[in-house]
Amino acid sequence: MERERESPGRTSTDVTVRRVRAGKTFVRVNTIGTSGDRPFLLVPGIGVSSDYFERLAPNLNRFGPVHAVDLPGFAGVPHPGRAMSIREYANLLGRVIDELELDDPVIVGHSMGTQVVTDLAARRPGLSTIVLIGPVVNPAERRVLTQAARFLQASWFEPGRVKALAIGAYAVCGFRWFSRILPRMMRFPIEQALPHVRAHTLVIRGEHDYVAPRDWVERIGELLPSARLWEIPGAAHSVMHAHAPEVARLCVEHAEQPVLGDGDVRLRHFPDEDIEEGTAPKPSFSDAVKALRARFRETIAVAQDDDAALAAAKTEHAEAMQSAHDRAVADQNDAEKNEND
């Protein structure tokens, strides 16, 4: 039976989960939404899961279906037993695009995900639009201890929700696999791949993102043939979570605008008056209980390797988040109405 199309402006909460295989290795693809003009493909960073996009995906879903991937070794997806390279991760991402028959998706990478997206885009000139959020690694600071210090600096400005997600994700990933992939991420020369990217590129950083400092992002703009640079005040490395509406708006506007031809790569700042509250809407007690229950069910589903149960749990969590959002919007509308009366 054909699924009901989402009405314009309505956010879907129905999540589907599928696997894209390459031999014994696979990528888990979590999809929200079925309708829209153009698909989005989201790639998280080292050690973490697609849950880092849990606030961004529904905002993007207003404009097209959103596919967020869990890469091998992360989020409970089995790894091949040896350290994978950035190139191998990029090849798997390309396989996702081909198997899902995505027509020129807008590809969004965060942290190590920017390396994966950049490597793929440099070798696929047919990809027209990419977004790099908190791109790594700054060549001037390509040292593990330095990057660890920068990560801790940025973490100070992250909301508690992001910190909780990180702790859970790293626990699932495990130190052994993380420590195997970290050297691959540290050594990947993204600065060499950037000049070969023909895609129209949007680069986003948070004001307090010490992992992707301002001078490094400006250098990225110089290396890319076509780029726009944005900095969001008050945000840190995980800007797409704390400021999901702003990041989604930038992504959609970027996809709709023509390719730059004037070499304008100035770092722009999101207007302060357009910055929304950096934390998620406060859920009711019932929504909070539902979200916690859904997270527990997700953990069990991953442990049992049950994609159907995982999809149901992710849908339940999305419903709880949407309920909290709807309540916050209703409260805001009531407050504005009272002010006008």
C-alpha atoms as a PDB file:
ATOM      1  CA  MET A   1       0.000   0.000   0.000  1.00  0.00           C
ATOM      2  CA  GLU A   2       1.360   3.416  -0.948  1.00  0.00           C
ATOM      3  CA  ARG A   3       2.408   5.515   2.011  1.00  0.00           C
ATOM      4  CA  GLU A   4       0.775   8.866   2.621  1.00  0.00           C
ATOM      5  CA  ARG A   5       2.815  11.782   1.431  1.00  0.00           C
ATOM      6  CA  GLU A   6       3.863  14.314   4.035  1.00  0.00           C
ATOM      7  CA  SER A   7       2.087  17.616   3.652  1.00  0.00           C
ATOM      8  CA  PRO A   8       4.289  20.668   2.979  1.00  0.00           C
ATOM      9  CA  GLY A   9       6.022  21.879   6.118  1.00  0.00           C
ATOM     10  CA  ARG A  10       5.113  18.762   8.061  1.00  0.00           C
ATOM     11  CA  THR A  11       7.895  16.755   9.642  1.00  0.00           C
ATOM     12  CA  SER A  12       7.742  12.982   9.292  1.00  0.00           C
ATOM     13  CA  THR A  13       8.454  10.787  12.317  1.00  0.00           C
ATOM     14  CA  ASP A  14       8.396   7.463  10.457  1.00  0.00           C
ATOM     15  CA  VAL A  15      11.915   5.987  10.363  1.00  0.00           C
ATOM     16  CA  THR A  16      12.946   3.074   8.182  1.00  0.00           C
ATOM     17  CA  VAL A  17      16.202   1.125   8.508  1.00  0.00           C
ATOM     18  CA  ARG A  18      17.974  -0.819   5.779  1.00  0.00           C
ATOM     19  CA  ARG A  19      21.445  -2.152   5.040  1.00  0.00           C
ATOM     20  CA  VAL A  20      23.694  -1.508   2.088  1.00  0.00           C
ATOM     21  CA  ARG A  21      26.272  -4.272   1.783  1.00  0.00           C
ATOM     22  CA  ALA A  22      29.727  -4.533   0.284  1.00  0.00           C
ATOM     23  CA  GLY A  23      30.767  -8.138   0.802  1.00  0.00           C
ATOM     24  CA  LYS A  24      30.547  -8.931   4.506  1.00  0.00           C
ATOM     25  CA  THR A  25      30.609  -5.251   5.447  1.00  0.00           C
ATOM     26  CA  PHE A  26      27.502  -3.095   5.505  1.00  0.00           C
ATOM     27  CA  VAL A  27      26.311   0.425   6.186  1.00  0.00           C
ATOM     28  CA  ARG A  28      23.117   0.973   8.154  1.00  0.00           C
ATOM     29  CA  VAL A  29      20.913   3.597   6.513  1.00  0.00           C
ATOM     30  CA  ASN A  30      18.267   5.305   8.644  1.00  0.00           C
ATOM     31  CA  THR A  31      15.675   7.142   6.557  1.00  0.00           C
ATOM     32  CA  ILE A  32      13.037   9.662   7.585  1.00  0.00           C
ATOM     33  CA  GLY A  33      10.461  10.934   5.107  1.00  0.00           C
ATOM     34  CA  THR A  34       9.431   9.703   1.670  1.00  0.00           C
ATOM     35  CA  SER A  35       8.584  12.823  -0.290  1.00  0.00           C
ATOM     36  CA  GLY A  36      10.296  16.041  -1.301  1.00  0.00           C
ATOM     37  CA  ASP A  37      12.264  17.632  -4.087  1.00  0.00           C
ATOM     38  CA  ARG A  38      15.720  16.392  -3.200  1.00  0.00           C
ATOM     39  CA  PRO A  39      17.255  13.792  -0.861  1.00  0.00           C
ATOM     40  CA  PHE A  40      19.815  14.509   1.838  1.00  0.00           C
ATOM     41  CA  LEU A  41      22.543  12.082   2.896  1.00  0.00           C
ATOM     42  CA  LEU A  42      24.107  12.604   6.344  1.00  0.00           C
ATOM     43  CA  VAL A  43      27.491  11.217   7.447  1.00  0.00           C
ATOM     44  CA  PRO A  44      28.522  11.409  11.140  1.00  0.00           C
ATOM     45  CA  GLY A  45      32.004  11.656  12.618  1.00  0.00           C
ATOM     46  CA  ILE A  46      34.387   9.187  14.224  1.00  0.00           C
ATOM     47  CA  GLY A  47      32.951   6.986  16.948  1.00  0.00           C
ATOM     48  CA  VAL A  48      29.421   8.392  16.859  1.00  0.00           C
ATOM     49  CA  SER A  49      26.123   7.406  15.300  1.00  0.00           C
ATOM     50  CA  SER A  50      23.464   8.944  13.111  1.00  0.00           C
ATOM     51  CA  ASP A  51      21.729  10.001  16.361  1.00  0.00           C
ATOM     52  CA  TYR A  52      23.936  13.103  16.189  1.00  0.00           C
ATOM     53  CA  PHE A  53      21.601  14.207  13.374  1.00  0.00           C
ATOM     54  CA  GLU A  54      18.396  13.502  15.340  1.00  0.00           C
ATOM     55  CA  ARG A  55      17.485  17.206  15.416  1.00  0.00           C
ATOM     56  CA  LEU A  56      18.842  18.155  11.988  1.00  0.00           C
ATOM     57  CA  ALA A  57      17.169  15.351   9.997  1.00  0.00           C
ATOM     58  CA  PRO A  58      13.547  16.299  10.835  1.00  0.00           C
ATOM     59  CA  ASN A  59      14.264  19.912   9.888  1.00  0.00           C
ATOM     60  CA  LEU A  60      15.709  18.832   6.529  1.00  0.00           C
ATOM     61  CA  ASN A  61      12.828  16.411   6.067  1.00  0.00           C
ATOM     62  CA  ARG A  62      10.531  19.344   5.380  1.00  0.00           C
ATOM     63  CA  PHE A  63      12.259  19.625   2.000  1.00  0.00           C
ATOM     64  CA  GLY A  64      13.166  16.048   1.054  1.00  0.00           C
ATOM     65  CA  PRO A  65      13.781  12.527   2.363  1.00  0.00           C
ATOM     66  CA  VAL A  66      16.772  12.266   4.680  1.00  0.00           C
ATOM     67  CA  HIS A  67      19.134   9.277   4.858  1.00  0.00           C
ATOM     68  CA  ALA A  68      21.547   9.196   7.822  1.00  0.00           C
ATOM     69  CA  VAL A  69      24.203   6.480   7.787  1.00  0.00           C
ATOM     70  CA  ASP A  70      25.899   4.448  10.508  1.00  0.00           C
ATOM     71  CA  LEU A  71      29.347   3.425   9.287  1.00  0.00           C
ATOM     72  CA  PRO A  72      31.074   0.102  10.042  1.00  0.00           C
ATOM     73  CA  GLY A  73      32.552   0.064  13.531  1.00  0.00           C
ATOM     74  CA  PHE A  74      30.171   2.713  14.869  1.00  0.00           C
ATOM     75  CA  ALA A  75      26.640   2.577  16.346  1.00  0.00           C
ATOM     76  CA  GLY A  76      26.826  -1.186  16.705  1.00  0.00           C
ATOM     77  CA  VAL A  77      27.519  -1.828  13.000  1.00  0.00           C
ATOM     78  CA  PRO A  78      30.142  -4.630  12.759  1.00  0.00           C
ATOM     79  CA  HIS A  79      33.565  -3.717  11.453  1.00  0.00           C
ATOM     80  CA  PRO A  80      35.724  -5.976   9.261  1.00  0.00           C
ATOM     81  CA  GLY A  81      38.320  -6.606  11.985  1.00  0.00           C
ATOM     82  CA  ARG A  82      40.934  -4.304  10.483  1.00  0.00           C
ATOM     83  CA  ALA A  83      41.214  -0.554  10.401  1.00  0.00           C
ATOM     84  CA  MET A  84      39.270   0.950   7.518  1.00  0.00           C
ATOM     85  CA  SER A  85      40.630   3.911   5.583  1.00  0.00           C
ATOM     86  CA  ILE A  86      38.763   7.107   4.768  1.00  0.00           C
ATOM     87  CA  ARG A  87      38.775   5.970   1.133  1.00  0.00           C
ATOM     88  CA  GLU A  88      37.056   2.708   2.059  1.00  0.00           C
ATOM     89  CA  TYR A  89      34.393   4.572   4.019  1.00  0.00           C
ATOM     90  CA  ALA A  90      33.920   6.907   1.044  1.00  0.00           C
ATOM     91  CA  ASN A  91      33.513   3.958  -1.315  1.00  0.00           C
ATOM     92  CA  LEU A  92      30.799   2.563   0.958  1.00  0.00           C
ATOM     93  CA  LEU A  93      29.034   5.920   0.908  1.00  0.00           C
ATOM     94  CA  GLY A  94      29.161   5.850  -2.878  1.00  0.00           C
ATOM     95  CA  ARG A  95      27.602   2.407  -2.785  1.00  0.00           C
ATOM     96  CA  VAL A  96      24.746   3.796  -0.677  1.00  0.00           C
ATOM     97  CA  ILE A  97      24.083   6.469  -3.305  1.00  0.00           C
ATOM     98  CA  ASP A  98      24.103   3.913  -6.114  1.00  0.00           C
ATOM     99  CA  GLU A  99      22.033   1.225  -4.411  1.00  0.00           C
ATOM    100  CA  LEU A 100      19.395   3.651  -3.133  1.00  0.00           C
ATOM    101  CA  GLU A 101      19.417   5.337  -6.564  1.00  0.00           C
ATOM    102  CA  LEU A 102      19.748   8.782  -5.017  1.00  0.00           C
ATOM    103  CA  ASP A 103      19.630  11.471  -7.682  1.00  0.00           C
ATOM    104  CA  ASP A 104      22.388  13.978  -6.872  1.00  0.00           C
ATOM    105  CA  PRO A 105      21.792  14.058  -3.105  1.00  0.00           C
ATOM    106  CA  VAL A 106      22.886  16.917  -0.893  1.00  0.00           C
ATOM    107  CA  ILE A 107      25.623  15.188   1.129  1.00  0.00           C
ATOM    108  CA  VAL A 108      26.284  16.511   4.629  1.00  0.00           C
ATOM    109  CA  GLY A 109      29.357  15.402   6.578  1.00  0.00           C
ATOM    110  CA  HIS A 110      30.312  16.228  10.151  1.00  0.00           C
ATOM    111  CA  SER A 111      33.829  16.013  11.610  1.00  0.00           C
ATOM    112  CA  MET A 112      35.447  12.834  10.204  1.00  0.00           C
ATOM    113  CA  GLY A 113      32.382  12.592   7.991  1.00  0.00           C
ATOM    114  CA  THR A 114      33.675  15.660   6.140  1.00  0.00           C
ATOM    115  CA  GLN A 115      36.729  13.652   5.120  1.00  0.00           C
ATOM    116  CA  VAL A 116      34.538  10.834   3.816  1.00  0.00           C
ATOM    117  CA  VAL A 117      32.325  13.256   1.881  1.00  0.00           C
ATOM    118  CA  THR A 118      35.290  15.217   0.493  1.00  0.00           C
ATOM    119  CA  ASP A 119      37.101  12.105  -0.726  1.00  0.00           C
ATOM    120  CA  LEU A 120      33.979  10.858  -2.487  1.00  0.00           C
ATOM    121  CA  ALA A 121      33.103  14.243  -4.018  1.00  0.00           C
ATOM    122  CA  ALA A 122      36.674  14.680  -5.287  1.00  0.00           C
ATOM    123  CA  ARG A 123      36.247  11.469  -7.296  1.00  0.00           C
ATOM    124  CA  ARG A 124      32.609  11.981  -8.350  1.00  0.00           C
ATOM    125  CA  PRO A 125      32.271  15.210 -10.332  1.00  0.00           C
ATOM    126  CA  GLY A 126      28.576  14.440 -10.848  1.00  0.00           C
ATOM    127  CA  LEU A 127      27.848  15.332  -7.219  1.00  0.00           C
ATOM    128  CA  SER A 128      26.829  18.988  -7.262  1.00  0.00           C
ATOM    129  CA  THR A 129      26.198  19.915  -3.631  1.00  0.00           C
ATOM    130  CA  ILE A 130      27.934  19.054  -0.356  1.00  0.00           C
ATOM    131  CA  VAL A 131      28.022  20.485   3.166  1.00  0.00           C
ATOM    132  CA  LEU A 132      31.022  20.209   5.493  1.00  0.00           C
ATOM    133  CA  ILE A 133      30.297  20.819   9.201  1.00  0.00           C
ATOM    134  CA  GLY A 134      33.289  21.187  11.512  1.00  0.00           C
ATOM    135  CA  PRO A 135      35.781  19.859   8.925  1.00  0.00           C
ATOM    136  CA  VAL A 136      38.893  18.044  10.166  1.00  0.00           C
ATOM    137  CA  VAL A 137      41.845  17.793  10.520  1.00  0.00           C
ATOM    138  CA  ASN A 138      43.558  21.179  10.612  1.00  0.00           C
ATOM    139  CA  PRO A 139      46.989  20.419   9.044  1.00  0.00           C
ATOM    140  CA  ALA A 140      48.667  22.884  11.411  1.00  0.00           C
ATOM    141  CA  GLU A 141      47.488  20.786  14.364  1.00  0.00           C
ATOM    142  CA  ARG A 142      47.715  17.230  13.056  1.00  0.00           C
ATOM    143  CA  ARG A 143      48.699  15.761  16.432  1.00  0.00           C
ATOM    144  CA  VAL A 144      46.549  13.497  18.585  1.00  0.00           C
ATOM    145  CA  LEU A 145      47.175  15.304  21.868  1.00  0.00           C
ATOM    146  CA  THR A 146      46.516  18.684  20.265  1.00  0.00           C
ATOM    147  CA  GLN A 147      43.263  17.494  18.726  1.00  0.00           C
ATOM    148  CA  ALA A 148      42.213  15.947  22.028  1.00  0.00           C
ATOM    149  CA  ALA A 149      42.778  19.305  23.723  1.00  0.00           C
ATOM    150  CA  ARG A 150      40.793  21.109  21.012  1.00  0.00           C
ATOM    151  CA  PHE A 151      37.937  18.611  21.378  1.00  0.00           C
ATOM    152  CA  LEU A 152      37.814  19.182  25.132  1.00  0.00           C
ATOM    153  CA  GLN A 153      37.813  22.942  24.604  1.00  0.00           C
ATOM    154  CA  ALA A 154      34.860  22.701  22.225  1.00  0.00           C
ATOM    155  CA  SER A 155      33.051  20.228  24.493  1.00  0.00           C
ATOM    156  CA  TRP A 156      32.821  22.864  27.212  1.00  0.00           C
ATOM    157  CA  PHE A 157      30.366  24.759  24.999  1.00  0.00           C
ATOM    158  CA  GLU A 158      28.315  21.716  23.937  1.00  0.00           C
ATOM    159  CA  PRO A 159      24.850  21.219  25.474  1.00  0.00           C
ATOM    160  CA  GLY A 160      24.390  18.334  27.909  1.00  0.00           C
ATOM    161  CA  ARG A 161      22.370  16.400  25.340  1.00  0.00           C
ATOM    162  CA  VAL A 162      25.352  16.247  22.966  1.00  0.00           C
ATOM    163  CA  LYS A 163      27.692  15.176  25.748  1.00  0.00           C
ATOM    164  CA  ALA A 164      25.325  12.345  26.682  1.00  0.00           C
ATOM    165  CA  LEU A 165      25.098  11.224  23.049  1.00  0.00           C
ATOM    166  CA  ALA A 166      28.900  11.224  22.756  1.00  0.00           C
ATOM    167  CA  ILE A 167      29.432   9.155  25.903  1.00  0.00           C
ATOM    168  CA  GLY A 168      26.903   6.548  24.777  1.00  0.00           C
ATOM    169  CA  ALA A 169      28.254   6.432  21.219  1.00  0.00           C
ATOM    170  CA  TYR A 170      31.883   6.031  22.273  1.00  0.00           C
ATOM    171  CA  ALA A 171      30.911   3.278  24.701  1.00  0.00           C
ATOM    172  CA  VAL A 172      29.230   1.341  21.863  1.00  0.00           C
ATOM    173  CA  CYS A 173      32.141   1.983  19.479  1.00  0.00           C
ATOM    174  CA  GLY A 174      34.753   0.852  21.992  1.00  0.00           C
ATOM    175  CA  PHE A 175      38.278   2.114  22.557  1.00  0.00           C
ATOM    176  CA  ARG A 176      39.930  -0.544  20.397  1.00  0.00           C
ATOM    177  CA  TRP A 177      38.143   0.338  17.143  1.00  0.00           C
ATOM    178  CA  PHE A 178      38.246   4.068  17.880  1.00  0.00           C
ATOM    179  CA  SER A 179      42.007   3.909  18.421  1.00  0.00           C
ATOM    180  CA  ARG A 180      42.429   2.029  15.127  1.00  0.00           C
ATOM    181  CA  ILE A 181      40.470   4.563  13.071  1.00  0.00           C
ATOM    182  CA  LEU A 182      41.825   7.679  14.767  1.00  0.00           C
ATOM    183  CA  PRO A 183      45.270   7.477  13.063  1.00  0.00           C
ATOM    184  CA  ARG A 184      43.540   7.105   9.680  1.00  0.00           C
ATOM    185  CA  MET A 185      41.515  10.238  10.366  1.00  0.00           C
ATOM    186  CA  MET A 186      44.573  12.140  11.606  1.00  0.00           C
ATOM    187  CA  ARG A 187      46.631  11.284   8.522  1.00  0.00           C
ATOM    188  CA  PHE A 188      43.994  11.903   5.867  1.00  0.00           C
ATOM    189  CA  PRO A 189      45.192  14.918   3.801  1.00  0.00           C
ATOM    190  CA  ILE A 190      41.848  16.635   3.250  1.00  0.00           C
ATOM    191  CA  GLU A 191      43.690  19.760   2.092  1.00  0.00           C
ATOM    192  CA  GLN A 192      44.924  17.789  -0.940  1.00  0.00           C
ATOM    193  CA  ALA A 193      41.468  16.511  -1.855  1.00  0.00           C
ATOM    194  CA  LEU A 194      39.588  19.826  -1.506  1.00  0.00           C
ATOM    195  CA  PRO A 195      40.889  21.431  -4.746  1.00  0.00           C
ATOM    196  CA  HIS A 196      39.518  18.460  -6.712  1.00  0.00           C
ATOM    197  CA  VAL A 197      35.965  18.880  -5.384  1.00  0.00           C
ATOM    198  CA  ARG A 198      33.730  20.330  -8.086  1.00  0.00           C
ATOM    199  CA  ALA A 199      30.614  20.291  -5.929  1.00  0.00           C
ATOM    200  CA  HIS A 200      29.135  23.550  -4.697  1.00  0.00           C
ATOM    201  CA  THR A 201      30.295  23.433  -1.055  1.00  0.00           C
ATOM    202  CA  LEU A 202      28.913  24.957   2.121  1.00  0.00           C
ATOM    203  CA  VAL A 203      31.265  24.970   5.122  1.00  0.00           C
ATOM    204  CA  ILE A 204      29.758  25.533   8.590  1.00  0.00           C
ATOM    205  CA  ARG A 205      31.511  25.972  11.915  1.00  0.00           C
ATOM    206  CA  GLY A 206      30.379  26.987  15.379  1.00  0.00           C
ATOM    207  CA  GLU A 207      31.866  30.044  17.041  1.00  0.00           C
ATOM    208  CA  HIS A 208      33.446  27.825  19.720  1.00  0.00           C
ATOM    209  CA  ASP A 209      34.550  24.985  17.458  1.00  0.00           C
ATOM    210  CA  TYR A 210      38.223  24.718  18.392  1.00  0.00           C
ATOM    211  CA  VAL A 211      38.498  21.479  16.391  1.00  0.00           C
ATOM    212  CA  ALA A 212      37.768  23.443  13.207  1.00  0.00           C
ATOM    213  CA  PRO A 213      39.222  26.898  13.966  1.00  0.00           C
ATOM    214  CA  ARG A 214      38.288  29.959  11.958  1.00  0.00           C
ATOM    215  CA  ASP A 215      41.605  30.307  10.103  1.00  0.00           C
ATOM    216  CA  TRP A 216      41.448  26.657   9.007  1.00  0.00           C
ATOM    217  CA  VAL A 217      37.886  27.050   7.702  1.00  0.00           C
ATOM    218  CA  GLU A 218      38.928  30.167   5.799  1.00  0.00           C
ATOM    219  CA  ARG A 219      41.794  28.170   4.282  1.00  0.00           C
ATOM    220  CA  ILE A 220      39.291  25.498   3.211  1.00  0.00           C
ATOM    221  CA  GLY A 221      37.336  28.201   1.401  1.00  0.00           C
ATOM    222  CA  GLU A 222      40.472  29.154  -0.508  1.00  0.00           C
ATOM    223  CA  LEU A 223      41.160  25.544  -1.497  1.00  0.00           C
ATOM    224  CA  LEU A 224      37.651  24.777  -2.755  1.00  0.00           C
ATOM    225  CA  PRO A 225      36.712  25.847  -6.289  1.00  0.00           C
ATOM    226  CA  SER A 226      33.213  26.878  -5.135  1.00  0.00           C
ATOM    227  CA  ALA A 227      32.470  27.545  -1.479  1.00  0.00           C
ATOM    228  CA  ARG A 228      30.405  29.465   1.041  1.00  0.00           C
ATOM    229  CA  LEU A 229      31.537  29.747   4.653  1.00  0.00           C
ATOM    230  CA  TRP A 230      29.274  30.274   7.657  1.00  0.00           C
ATOM    231  CA  GLU A 231      29.893  30.622  11.370  1.00  0.00           C
ATOM    232  CA  ILE A 232      27.052  30.262  13.881  1.00  0.00           C
ATOM    233  CA  PRO A 233      27.447  32.296  17.094  1.00  0.00           C
ATOM    234  CA  GLY A 234      27.364  30.419  20.380  1.00  0.00           C
ATOM    235  CA  ALA A 235      27.744  26.998  18.765  1.00  0.00           C
ATOM    236  CA  ALA A 236      30.553  24.459  19.137  1.00  0.00           C
ATOM    237  CA  HIS A 237      31.711  21.408  17.154  1.00  0.00           C
ATOM    238  CA  SER A 238      28.296  19.693  17.084  1.00  0.00           C
ATOM    239  CA  VAL A 239      26.565  22.780  15.725  1.00  0.00           C
ATOM    240  CA  MET A 240      24.073  20.712  13.695  1.00  0.00           C
ATOM    241  CA  HIS A 241      22.539  19.389  16.922  1.00  0.00           C
ATOM    242  CA  ALA A 242      22.443  22.490  19.123  1.00  0.00           C
ATOM    243  CA  HIS A 243      21.414  24.757  16.240  1.00  0.00           C
ATOM    244  CA  ALA A 244      19.572  22.355  13.956  1.00  0.00           C
ATOM    245  CA  PRO A 245      17.030  24.866  12.530  1.00  0.00           C
ATOM    246  CA  GLU A 246      19.765  27.296  11.487  1.00  0.00           C
ATOM    247  CA  VAL A 247      21.964  24.589   9.966  1.00  0.00           C
ATOM    248  CA  ALA A 248      18.986  23.101   8.103  1.00  0.00           C
ATOM    249  CA  ARG A 249      18.059  26.505   6.730  1.00  0.00           C
ATOM    250  CA  LEU A 250      21.622  27.068   5.497  1.00  0.00           C
ATOM    251  CA  CYS A 251      21.721  23.600   3.898  1.00  0.00           C
ATOM    252  CA  VAL A 252      18.456  24.090   2.023  1.00  0.00           C
ATOM    253  CA  GLU A 253      19.305  27.623   0.871  1.00  0.00           C
ATOM    254  CA  HIS A 254      22.701  26.367  -0.251  1.00  0.00           C
ATOM    255  CA  ALA A 255      21.119  23.609  -2.346  1.00  0.00           C
ATOM    256  CA  GLU A 256      18.727  26.071  -3.957  1.00  0.00           C
ATOM    257  CA  GLN A 257      21.279  28.748  -4.842  1.00  0.00           C
ATOM    258  CA  PRO A 258      23.321  28.694  -8.074  1.00  0.00           C
ATOM    259  CA  VAL A 259      26.980  27.743  -8.085  1.00  0.00           C
ATOM    260  CA  LEU A 260      29.283  30.584  -7.133  1.00  0.00           C
ATOM    261  CA  GLY A 261      31.441  32.030  -9.836  1.00  0.00           C
ATOM    262  CA  ASP A 262      32.890  35.130  -8.236  1.00  0.00           C
ATOM    263  CA  GLY A 263      35.307  33.514  -5.799  1.00  0.00           C
ATOM    264  CA  ASP A 264      33.546  35.059  -2.798  1.00  0.00           C
ATOM    265  CA  VAL A 265      34.514  32.872   0.154  1.00  0.00           C
ATOM    266  CA  ARG A 266      34.200  35.304   3.057  1.00  0.00           C
ATOM    267  CA  LEU A 267      33.230  33.802   6.402  1.00  0.00           C
ATOM    268  CA  ARG A 268      29.706  34.987   7.172  1.00  0.00           C
ATOM    269  CA  HIS A 269      27.969  34.998  10.523  1.00  0.00           C
ATOM    270  CA  PHE A 270      24.385  33.962  11.053  1.00  0.00           C
ATOM    271  CA  PRO A 271      22.438  37.084  12.174  1.00  0.00           C
ATOM    272  CA  ASP A 272      22.004  37.084  15.941  1.00  0.00           C
ATOM    273  CA  GLU A 273      18.298  37.822  15.628  1.00  0.00           C
ATOM    274  CA  ASP A 274      17.851  34.624  13.604  1.00  0.00           C
ATOM    275  CA  ILE A 275      19.540  32.382  16.151  1.00  0.00           C
ATOM    276  CA  GLU A 276      17.042  30.172  17.920  1.00  0.00           C
ATOM    277  CA  GLU A 277      17.435  28.688  21.377  1.00  0.00           C
ATOM    278  CA  GLY A 278      20.412  26.340  21.288  1.00  0.00           C
ATOM    279  CA  THR A 279      18.806  23.584  23.316  1.00  0.00           C
ATOM    280  CA  ALA A 280      16.004  21.247  22.308  1.00  0.00           C
ATOM    281  CA  PRO A 281      12.466  22.097  23.451  1.00  0.00           C
ATOM    282  CA  LYS A 282      11.869  20.868  26.986  1.00  0.00           C
ATOM    283  CA  PRO A 283       9.747  17.709  26.767  1.00  0.00           C
ATOM    284  CA  SER A 284       6.844  16.910  29.034  1.00  0.00           C
ATOM    285  CA  PHE A 285       7.245  14.122  31.554  1.00  0.00           C
ATOM    286  CA  SER A 286       5.385  11.686  29.300  1.00  0.00           C
ATOM    287  CA  ASP A 287       7.485  12.641  26.260  1.00  0.00           C
ATOM    288  CA  ALA A 288      10.696  12.281  28.283  1.00  0.00           C
ATOM    289  CA  VAL A 289       9.662   8.817  29.449  1.00  0.00           C
ATOM    290  CA  LYS A 290       8.766   7.854  25.876  1.00  0.00           C
ATOM    291  CA  ALA A 291      12.134   9.089  24.581  1.00  0.00           C
ATOM    292  CA  LEU A 292      14.077   7.204  27.268  1.00  0.00           C
ATOM    293  CA  ARG A 293      12.094   4.056  26.577  1.00  0.00           C
ATOM    294  CA  ALA A 294      12.774   4.418  22.865  1.00  0.00           C
ATOM    295  CA  ARG A 295      16.514   4.819  23.489  1.00  0.00           C
ATOM    296  CA  PHE A 296      16.503   1.657  25.602  1.00  0.00           C
ATOM    297  CA  ARG A 297      14.667  -0.208  22.852  1.00  0.00           C
ATOM    298  CA  GLU A 298      17.212   1.062  20.302  1.00  0.00           C
ATOM    299  CA  THR A 299      20.061  -0.325  22.396  1.00  0.00           C
ATOM    300  CA  ILE A 300      18.371  -3.707  22.660  1.00  0.00           C
ATOM    301  CA  ALA A 301      17.571  -3.769  18.938  1.00  0.00           C
ATOM    302  CA  VAL A 302      21.200  -3.025  18.026  1.00  0.00           C
ATOM    303  CA  ALA A 303      22.416  -5.750  20.392  1.00  0.00           C
ATOM    304  CA  GLN A 304      19.952  -8.216  18.848  1.00  0.00           C
ATOM    305  CA  ASP A 305      20.790  -7.105  15.292  1.00  0.00           C
ATOM    306  CA  ASP A 306      17.077  -6.451  14.651  1.00  0.00           C
ATOM    307  CA  ASP A 307      16.593  -3.672  12.099  1.00  0.00           C
ATOM    308  CA  ALA A 308      12.778  -3.799  12.267  1.00  0.00           C
ATOM    309  CA  ALA A 309      12.831  -3.275  16.025  1.00  0.00           C
ATOM    310  CA  LEU A 310      15.439  -0.545  15.605  1.00  0.00           C
ATOM    311  CA  ALA A 311      13.240   1.296  13.097  1.00  0.00           C
ATOM    312  CA  ALA A 312      10.263   1.071  15.468  1.00  0.00           C
ATOM    313  CA  ALA A 313      12.338   2.413  18.372  1.00  0.00           C
ATOM    314  CA  LYS A 314      13.751   5.281  16.301  1.00  0.00           C
ATOM    315  CA  THR A 315      10.233   6.151  15.147  1.00  0.00           C
ATOM    316  CA  GLU A 316       9.033   6.212  18.748  1.00  0.00           C
ATOM    317  CA  HIS A 317      11.904   8.520  19.691  1.00  0.00           C
ATOM    318  CA  ALA A 318      11.179  10.819  16.731  1.00  0.00           C
ATOM    319  CA  GLU A 319       7.529  11.000  17.794  1.00  0.00           C
ATOM    320  CA  ALA A 320       8.544  12.041  21.309  1.00  0.00           C
ATOM    321  CA  MET A 321      10.840  14.755  19.937  1.00  0.00           C
ATOM    322  CA  GLN A 322       8.146  16.002  17.565  1.00  0.00           C
ATOM    323  CA  SER A 323       5.618  16.125  20.393  1.00  0.00           C
ATOM    324  CA  ALA A 324       7.992  18.255  22.464  1.00  0.00           C
ATOM    325  CA  HIS A 325       8.591  20.534  19.462  1.00  0.00           C
ATOM    326  CA  ASP A 326       4.871  20.933  18.757  1.00  0.00           C
ATOM    327  CA  ARG A 327       4.221  21.789  22.389  1.00  0.00           C
ATOM    328  CA  ALA A 328       7.011  24.394  22.373  1.00  0.00           C
ATOM    329  CA  VAL A 329       5.613  25.993  19.199  1.00  0.00           C
ATOM    330  CA  ALA A 330       2.097  26.052  20.680  1.00  0.00           C
ATOM    331  CA  ASP A 331       3.407  27.682  23.877  1.00  0.00           C
ATOM    332  CA  GLN A 332       5.279  30.287  21.837  1.00  0.00           C
ATOM    333  CA  ASN A 333       2.200  31.063  19.748  1.00  0.00           C
ATOM    334  CA  ASP A 334       0.096  31.439  22.899  1.00  0.00           C
ATOM    335  CA  ALA A 335       2.687  33.785  24.410  1.00  0.00           C
ATOM    336  CA  GLU A 336       2.758  35.948  21.274  1.00  0.00           C
ATOM    337  CA  LYS A 337      -1.022  36.023  21.155  1.00  0.00           C
ATOM    338  CA  ASN A 338      -1.191  37.161  24.782  1.00  0.00           C
ATOM    339  CA  GLU A 339       1.331  39.928  24.051  1.00  0.00           C
ATOM    340  CA  ASN A 340      -0.762  41.156  21.134  1.00  0.00           C
ATOM    341  CA  ASP A 341      -4.033  41.099  23.075  1.00  0.00           C
END
